[in-house]
Protein backbone atom coordinates (compact mmCIF):
# COMPACT_ATOMS: atom_id res chain seq x y z
CA UNK A 1 0.20 -0.22 -0.15
CA UNK A 2 1.60 3.16 -1.08
CA UNK A 3 0.82 6.76 -2.14
CA UNK A 4 1.29 7.96 -5.78
CA UNK A 5 3.63 10.16 -4.81
CA UNK A 6 5.66 8.09 -3.15
CA UNK A 7 5.76 5.73 -5.45
CA UNK A 8 6.59 7.93 -8.36
CA UNK A 9 9.62 10.02 -5.61
CA UNK A 10 11.08 6.44 -5.73
CA UNK A 11 10.79 5.85 -9.54
CA UNK A 12 12.87 8.77 -10.16
CA UNK A 13 15.60 7.18 -9.61
CA UNK A 14 15.12 5.43 -12.45
CA UNK A 15 14.04 7.81 -14.92
CA UNK A 16 10.51 8.32 -13.86
CA UNK A 17 6.88 7.04 -15.90
CA UNK A 18 8.88 7.56 -19.37
CA UNK A 19 11.26 4.71 -18.52
CA UNK A 20 9.46 2.54 -16.65
CA UNK A 21 6.13 2.62 -18.27
CA UNK A 22 4.79 1.35 -21.61
CA UNK A 23 3.78 3.68 -24.37
CA UNK A 24 0.62 2.20 -23.90
CA UNK A 25 0.20 2.76 -20.27
CA UNK A 26 2.00 6.41 -20.47
CA UNK A 27 -1.05 7.37 -23.32
CA UNK A 28 -3.43 6.09 -20.59
CA UNK A 29 -2.47 8.22 -17.96
CA UNK A 30 -2.18 11.26 -19.88
CA UNK A 31 -6.21 10.58 -20.66
CA UNK A 32 -7.32 11.24 -16.73
CA UNK A 33 -8.83 14.20 -16.44
CA UNK A 34 -8.31 14.13 -12.90
CA UNK A 35 -4.15 14.91 -12.59
CA UNK A 36 -5.25 12.59 -9.22
CA UNK A 37 -6.33 9.60 -10.91
CA UNK A 38 -3.47 9.83 -13.31
CA UNK A 39 -0.92 9.95 -10.87
CA UNK A 40 -2.70 6.85 -8.91
CA UNK A 41 -2.76 5.36 -12.81
CA UNK A 42 1.01 5.80 -13.44
CA UNK A 43 1.66 5.06 -9.93
CA UNK A 44 0.12 1.63 -9.63
CA UNK A 45 1.39 0.66 -12.91
CA UNK A 46 5.08 1.12 -11.99
CA UNK A 47 4.77 -0.64 -8.76
CA UNK A 48 3.02 -3.22 -10.89
CA UNK A 49 5.70 -3.68 -13.14
CA UNK A 50 8.73 -3.13 -10.14
CA UNK A 51 6.83 -5.62 -8.01
CA UNK A 52 6.80 -8.09 -10.90
CA UNK A 53 10.68 -7.56 -12.07
CA UNK A 54 11.31 -8.12 -8.15
CA UNK A 55 9.48 -11.48 -8.35
CA UNK A 56 11.45 -12.50 -11.36
CA UNK A 57 14.62 -11.33 -9.80
CA UNK A 58 15.32 -8.40 -11.49
CA UNK A 59 15.79 -4.56 -10.79
CA UNK A 60 13.65 -1.81 -11.14
CA UNK A 61 15.52 -0.94 -14.55
CA UNK A 62 14.32 -4.55 -16.30
CA UNK A 63 10.77 -3.63 -15.24
CA UNK A 64 9.37 -1.57 -18.21
CA UNK A 65 10.72 -4.43 -20.55
CA UNK A 66 8.21 -6.62 -19.18
CA UNK A 67 5.40 -7.80 -21.11
CA UNK A 68 1.62 -7.18 -19.56
CA UNK A 69 -1.19 -9.25 -20.90
CA UNK A 70 -4.98 -9.05 -20.04
CA UNK A 71 -7.39 -11.58 -20.87
CA UNK A 72 -11.16 -11.25 -20.05
CA UNK A 73 -12.77 -14.59 -18.82
CA UNK A 74 -16.10 -13.29 -19.64
CA UNK A 75 -15.44 -11.87 -23.08
CA UNK A 76 -12.26 -13.12 -23.98
CA UNK A 77 -10.86 -9.84 -24.85
CA UNK A 78 -7.87 -7.92 -24.35
CA UNK A 79 -8.45 -6.52 -20.84
CA UNK A 80 -9.41 -7.38 -17.53
CA UNK A 81 -7.43 -8.18 -15.22
CA UNK A 82 -3.04 -7.80 -15.43
CA UNK A 83 -0.56 -10.24 -15.80
CA UNK A 84 3.06 -10.96 -15.99
CA UNK A 85 4.01 -14.39 -17.26
CA UNK A 86 5.83 -16.38 -14.73
CA UNK A 87 4.41 -13.56 -11.72
CA UNK A 88 1.24 -13.22 -9.94
CA UNK A 89 0.09 -10.39 -9.09
CA UNK A 90 -2.58 -8.31 -7.98
CA UNK A 91 -3.14 -4.59 -9.00
CA UNK A 92 -5.61 -1.97 -7.35
CA UNK A 93 -6.06 1.87 -7.31
CA UNK A 94 -8.14 4.32 -4.87
CA UNK A 95 -7.22 7.87 -6.87
CA UNK A 96 -3.37 7.89 -5.88
CA UNK A 97 -3.46 5.47 -3.21
CA UNK A 98 -2.12 2.26 -4.94
CA UNK A 99 -1.71 -1.79 -3.84
CA UNK A 100 -0.08 -4.48 -5.22
CA UNK A 101 0.29 -7.63 -3.87
CA UNK A 102 2.22 -10.65 -4.97
CA UNK A 103 1.95 -14.45 -4.26
CA UNK A 104 3.21 -17.69 -5.61
CA UNK A 105 2.22 -18.74 -9.09
CA UNK A 106 -0.84 -21.01 -9.59
CA UNK A 107 -2.75 -19.90 -6.41
CA UNK A 108 -5.92 -17.25 -6.57
CA UNK A 109 -4.96 -13.78 -6.03
CA UNK A 110 -6.81 -10.59 -5.30
CA UNK A 111 -6.49 -6.96 -3.79
CA UNK A 112 -8.51 -4.01 -3.44
CA UNK A 113 -8.41 -0.82 -1.99
CA UNK A 114 -10.86 1.49 -1.59
CA UNK A 115 -11.27 5.51 0.43
CA UNK A 116 -14.30 5.59 2.37
CA UNK A 117 -17.12 7.71 1.14
CA UNK A 118 -19.49 10.28 3.23
CA UNK A 119 -22.22 8.14 2.08
CA UNK A 120 -23.14 5.40 -0.67
CA UNK A 121 -25.72 5.09 -3.45
CA UNK A 122 -29.17 3.39 -2.80
CA UNK A 123 -28.38 0.20 -4.54
CA UNK A 124 -25.52 -0.12 -3.30
CA UNK A 125 -26.98 -2.75 -0.44
CA UNK A 126 -28.99 -4.43 -3.04
CA UNK A 127 -26.01 -5.11 -5.60
CA UNK A 128 -23.17 -5.87 -2.76
CA UNK A 129 -24.34 -7.36 -0.03
CA UNK A 130 -25.84 -10.64 1.07
CA UNK A 131 -29.36 -10.92 2.24
CA UNK A 132 -27.43 -11.71 5.74
CA UNK A 133 -24.87 -9.11 5.85
CA UNK A 134 -27.79 -6.75 4.96
CA UNK A 135 -30.24 -7.72 8.33
CA UNK A 136 -27.07 -7.62 10.41
CA UNK A 137 -25.54 -3.94 9.57
CA UNK A 138 -26.71 -0.95 10.49
CA UNK A 139 -27.90 1.74 8.14
CA UNK A 140 -25.59 4.15 8.46
CA UNK A 141 -22.61 1.31 9.12
CA UNK A 142 -20.55 3.17 5.41
CA UNK A 143 -17.00 1.61 6.95
CA UNK A 144 -18.41 -2.21 7.18
CA UNK A 145 -19.83 -1.72 4.20
CA UNK A 146 -17.01 -0.91 2.42
CA UNK A 147 -14.85 -3.71 4.24
CA UNK A 148 -17.45 -6.07 2.58
CA UNK A 149 -16.91 -4.22 -0.74
CA UNK A 150 -13.11 -4.65 -0.71
CA UNK A 151 -14.05 -8.18 -0.21
CA UNK A 152 -15.60 -9.28 -2.54
CA UNK A 153 -14.04 -7.24 -4.98
CA UNK A 154 -10.53 -9.12 -3.83
CA UNK A 155 -12.24 -12.28 -4.51
CA UNK A 156 -13.69 -11.70 -7.61
CA UNK A 157 -10.41 -10.74 -8.81
CA UNK A 158 -8.86 -13.41 -7.76
CA UNK A 159 -11.10 -15.97 -10.52
CA UNK A 160 -11.23 -13.58 -12.89
CA UNK A 161 -14.75 -12.77 -12.78
CA UNK A 162 -14.61 -9.10 -11.93
CA UNK A 163 -17.95 -6.65 -11.66
CA UNK A 164 -19.65 -9.72 -13.79
CA UNK A 165 -20.74 -11.09 -10.94
CA UNK A 166 -22.23 -9.27 -8.54
CA UNK A 167 -20.89 -9.44 -4.85
CA UNK A 168 -23.86 -10.09 -3.18
CA UNK A 169 -23.42 -13.64 -4.33
CA UNK A 170 -21.13 -13.78 -2.26
CA UNK A 171 -21.14 -14.21 1.49
CA UNK A 172 -18.48 -13.04 4.15
CA UNK A 173 -18.66 -15.45 6.79
CA UNK A 174 -15.68 -16.64 9.41
CA UNK A 175 -12.30 -18.39 8.16
CA UNK A 176 -11.82 -21.61 8.24
CA UNK A 177 -9.44 -23.69 10.34
CA UNK A 178 -5.30 -23.66 9.25
CA UNK A 179 -3.92 -27.03 8.29
CA UNK A 180 -2.93 -26.77 11.91
CA UNK A 181 -6.55 -27.20 13.13
CA UNK A 182 -6.01 -23.18 14.64
CA UNK A 183 -7.13 -19.70 12.36
CA UNK A 184 -4.19 -17.60 10.96
CA UNK A 185 -4.74 -14.41 12.42
CA UNK A 186 -3.88 -12.40 9.49
CA UNK A 187 -7.08 -14.35 7.09
CA UNK A 188 -10.37 -13.01 9.20
CA UNK A 189 -12.81 -14.38 7.12
CA UNK A 190 -13.71 -16.35 4.09
CA UNK A 191 -16.13 -16.59 1.14
CA UNK A 192 -19.34 -18.10 0.99
CA UNK A 193 -20.72 -18.74 -2.17
CA UNK A 194 -21.95 -22.54 -3.19
CA UNK A 195 -22.91 -21.26 -6.53
CA UNK A 196 -19.98 -19.94 -7.43
CA UNK A 197 -17.63 -22.58 -6.61
CA UNK A 198 -14.24 -20.98 -7.68
CA UNK A 199 -14.57 -17.96 -5.20
CA UNK A 200 -16.57 -20.63 -2.33
CA UNK A 201 -13.67 -21.02 0.47
CA UNK A 202 -11.70 -18.11 -0.94
CA UNK A 203 -9.40 -17.27 2.91
CA UNK A 204 -9.72 -13.20 3.09
CA UNK A 205 -7.37 -10.44 5.10
CA UNK A 206 -8.05 -6.94 5.59
CA UNK A 207 -4.97 -5.25 5.21
CA UNK A 208 -3.71 -1.67 7.31
CA UNK A 209 -4.70 0.91 4.47
CA UNK A 210 -4.62 4.29 6.51
CA UNK A 211 -7.36 5.50 8.46
CA UNK A 212 -9.74 6.82 5.23
CA UNK A 213 -9.27 3.43 3.29
CA UNK A 214 -9.97 -0.23 3.71
CA UNK A 215 -8.29 -2.69 1.72
CA UNK A 216 -8.09 -6.83 1.30
CA UNK A 217 -6.42 -10.15 0.21
CA UNK A 218 -8.18 -12.63 -0.80
CA UNK A 219 -6.78 -16.04 -1.81
CA UNK A 220 -6.41 -19.92 -1.08
CA UNK A 221 -4.94 -21.48 1.81
CA UNK A 222 -3.19 -19.08 4.32
CA UNK A 223 0.01 -17.72 3.67
CA UNK A 224 1.95 -15.60 5.69
CA UNK A 225 1.40 -11.65 5.28
CA UNK A 226 4.66 -9.59 4.75
CA UNK A 227 4.51 -5.59 4.09
CA UNK A 228 6.65 -3.87 1.97
CA UNK A 229 7.61 -0.20 2.40
CA UNK A 230 7.91 1.10 -1.13
CA UNK A 231 11.78 1.55 -1.07
CA UNK A 232 12.16 -1.70 -0.34
CA UNK A 233 10.36 -3.17 -3.31
CA UNK A 234 12.51 -0.38 -5.42
CA UNK A 235 15.83 -2.05 -3.87
CA UNK A 236 18.52 -2.63 -7.16
CA UNK A 237 20.23 -1.01 -9.67
């Protein structure tokens, strides 16, 4: 988790966005009307590339040469969750706050971060919450709703469904025991969705995101979670 400006400051040592992003990514960042969104897009994609380079044993200077591919599981188009061969990463952005998670290959992985809004759209509950969740939450509890949202977004990113599946089809329940028979401290919940088998049983961890944001990870098993600061990610030459 990092602010866009922090990522861009570290990236400047390696030439900044012009040296670390593809032409297509630079063009996409420039199309945002709000400068904070453009900075967040650029920073998120830089962090994604540098994390991938790190996972592959490279350095930030090798990040630009990595090919990002996208494939939509719903329509087959060249969009959807980004990926880099031989890595397993998930990217999320909330304006100028960015998050990239990395895990072992061949394991479903999703990450999501969102800012807490002052209020939610009137249709939020029917779209995002299971009937049990709607019943359990006070009408004014925005923060708990966003915590459930990021958990479900992370799970749907992990499987590649995205919002082609309405989050209300998923219920966030208690975690399953790990292989030692106890619950891992960081993995505080699990997805219950018998009708959507790929998400059913995915583990959820809410991770620190500052006082104005909620963030979550979703994956199988209950691996240890290590938070890296931006300086550590950009180590290398």
